[in-house]
Amino acid sequence: MATLQDITLAAALNILSAFIFFVAFAILRLQPFNDRVYFPKWYLKGLRTDPVTGGAFVRKFVNLDWRSYLRFLNWMPAALRMPEPELIDHAGLDSVVYLRIYLIGLKIFVPIAFLAWAVLVPVNWTSTGLEAGMSNITSSDIDKLSISNVHSRSQRFWAHIIVAYAFTFWTCFILLKEYEKVAAMRLQFLAAEKRRPDQFTVLVKNIPPDPDESVSELVEHFFLVNHPDNYLTHQVVYNANKLAKLVKKRKKLQNWRVYYQNKLERTSERPQIKTGCLGLCGDKVDAIDHHNTEIDKLSKEIALERDKVTNDPKSIMPAAFVSFKTRWGAAVCAQTQQTRNPTMWLTEWAPEPRDVYWSNLAIPYVSLTVRRLIIAVAFFFLTFFFMIPIAIVQSLASLEGIQKAAPWLKPLINIHIIKSFIQGFLPGIALKLFLIFLPTILMIMSKFEGFGSISSLERRAASRYYLFSFVNIFLGNILTGSAFEQLDSFIHQPANQYPITIGTAIPLKASFFITYIMVDGWAGIAAEVLMLKPLIIYHLKNFFLVKTEKDREEAMDAGSIGFNTGEPRIQLYILLGLVYAAVTPSVLPFIIVFFGLAYVVFRHQIINVYNQEYESGAAFWPDVHLRVVIALIVSQIVLMGLLTTKKAASSTPFLIALPILTIWFHIYCKGRFEPAFVRYPLQEAMMKDTLERATEPNLNLKAYLQNAYVHPVFKASIDDEDEEDANSQKWETESVTVPTKRQSRRNTPLPSRISGASSSPSLPDAIRQQPEP
């Protein structure tokens, strides 16, 4: 049980760590050779160049202006200086709305902290419940600030109930205003957004097989008949996963070839490698010649696979990107049912081209349900069996666990400062390190489920991460704390005392969560801005692989905000803040520091570093709102359970209304605001179409959409120009209207033929044709 001294030591260590990270960042970011690491976004936009291109050799690597080091924290006010509208233009709406989640934390918890410390802390501190009758529970001075210190059946619980109502109403008010604001921002962003391919395109899945027509012909005929006035073109989905792997493998070999060529220039000696397993055995050969040979072989294999994909009907999946002449036509198609059978011809808004996760589009639709069932079962076992090693790690990171595992360390851990370090710092860092691979595991699970866009993959991984954190970090640590640490007390007390002990132990775990917040939310956030891993990787690439300016640009790793890991972490702190606000208010100041520090750090990162992979127009906001509402309901249930164990029978029923009101509030917000995030208003679509026709009457929309949804692997450059020319000659075919081949339609004219809708080119034509000016 961490004491006030232990937490003070942990706070000092984490503040010192954060300060060291900030100082290191302030120094490293000023050095010219690190400029592309800490300002990659400006390089990608073409608005920044290398700070030093001539002069003294030392100046190319080290900033010798000593005055710049005196302002080592000036990046913080600079991060707050850019206004929100300009930030939207610079980084996109997704990034700006992500930052607003941190602002929500500040808006909710700063007033709540003032109220809790003004009302609840004096009420709890002046009670003597822990001294009076809870001898079976280990407590510390900091627990006297919690509800555990209030006597059973005390009238003081009315203060907690009234404050709980105030907390609920204030949180709902903030959520309502934010939902309204973000919904307005989304609609305004979509209305002002420039033309994008996804505004005109829908993704069609589960196209039924037809013995007489190919998928491409079937798609064309279906939309010519059912959307005769709006259909423009389409692009079928190819299973190019094997081809993509080959292209990726060739890129890796090309990087190794560049590495050995650079090594030859530095040493003037031909590098040698072994051809066996991992380069550890086998015959020695010339490294450059070997890689040239392997790249040539792979290029021929790529050409064969490319030809197979484009000519084999089995490579075409029952899915297609269908584009329309207007946004209005796309909106009607995306938001309506196409046939009597609701499982066929499924339509949804197409993700923007850079958001498409092409590998999953090749997964048959019928297998998606099976895949998601498998992952649901796997995630269940991952979540609940993960609690066992977490409990073991947490027990080993405690004084009792260390003394039991290594009795010979007992004299050492009895030293005061080491004891404080173990109790106030080690449990939090142990849990943080133990969860380091979890985001990767959850992302792999999301990819296996078959979601077709990067944004949907991140949203699913985020929801699973939040559920995992709720079970293993929140509930897991409370349950292991009350069932493992207090096991002896449980055995030697009557059964009717169990609920009281558990109810009292919940607020007593606040000290652990305080240490975890400091490790993860203070030092962890400060480490985020240092970007140690991208810094090391960039310099390794720059030394071994960079030969041209293009190579140097590819070596930059701008990264992204990481919604699948960042948002669940925010939600965990919101959950802890709401749960402990009325139970142990001492947690709130630590959470407020996290939200304030994280807002500044991530604002700086979004302005200077992160280059978001996609833009969804803040489509994730309903998930954010729902999780905050869930946290609010959990906090109300926890308080009701605590008051029940405190035998506050006369006051507890007054809390029953809170979950009901909160659920009603969520239903209202869902009906009022959520449609703006899942549908596109036809009125808005018509307005944009009308304005576009007036300002650009000669726009060739088909040429604009022609190559938008071609698989990136077909756009990849081919080293062998002769091979590329041969392939391009083989691909050249004329785009003509495809006659109907279905037996039932051979004698029936297609009414949509006179509508003026043009047929879609095949994949080779889409690659060959260039957009018209």
Foldseek 3Di string as FASTA:
>chain_A
DAAPVLQVLLLVVLVVLLVVLLLLLLQQCPFQVCVCQFFVLCVVVVNDDRPDDDDDPVNNGHPPPVVSSVPSPVLLVVLVPDDPVVLCVSFNDQLSLVLVLLVLLLQQQPVLLVLLVVQQQVLQLPAAQCVPPPPLDDFYPLQSSFPNRHFFLDPSCVSLVVSLVVSLVSSLVSLVVSLVVLLVLLLVCVLPPDDAQLLFKKKWAAADDDPFDALQQSVQQLCCQQVLQWFFEKAFAFQCVVLVVLVVVLVVLVLQLLLQVLVCVVPVDFDWFAPDDVRPDHDIDRSNVVSVVVSVVSLVVSLVSVVCRQPPSVRTANMMMTGTPFSLSLQVQQPDQRDPDNVHGHIHRDFFLLFFPSNLVSDHPVCLVVLVVVLVVVLVCCLPVVLVVLLLLLLCLAPVNVCVVPVVCVVVCVPVSNVSCSQQARNLVSVVVVCVCVLVVLLVSLVSSRDTTNVVSLLSLQVSLLVSCCVRVQVSLLVSQQCVVSVVSCVPDDPVCVLLSSLSSNLSCLSVVLNNLSVCLRSVLSNVSSPVVLSVQLVVCVSRRDDDPVSNSVSHDLAAPRSSPVLSVSLSLLLVCLQCSSGNSVSSVSSSVSSVSNSSSSSSSSNRGHRDSGHLSPLSVLVSSVSSLVSSLVSLVSSLSSSVSSVNVVPSVVSVVSNVVSVVSNVVSCVPRNCSSRHDDSVSRVVSRVVCCVVPVPDPVCLVNLQRNQPVSLVDDRPDVVSVVVVLVVLDDDQQDDDDRRPVCPPPDSVSVPSPHGYYDYSSVSNNDHRDD
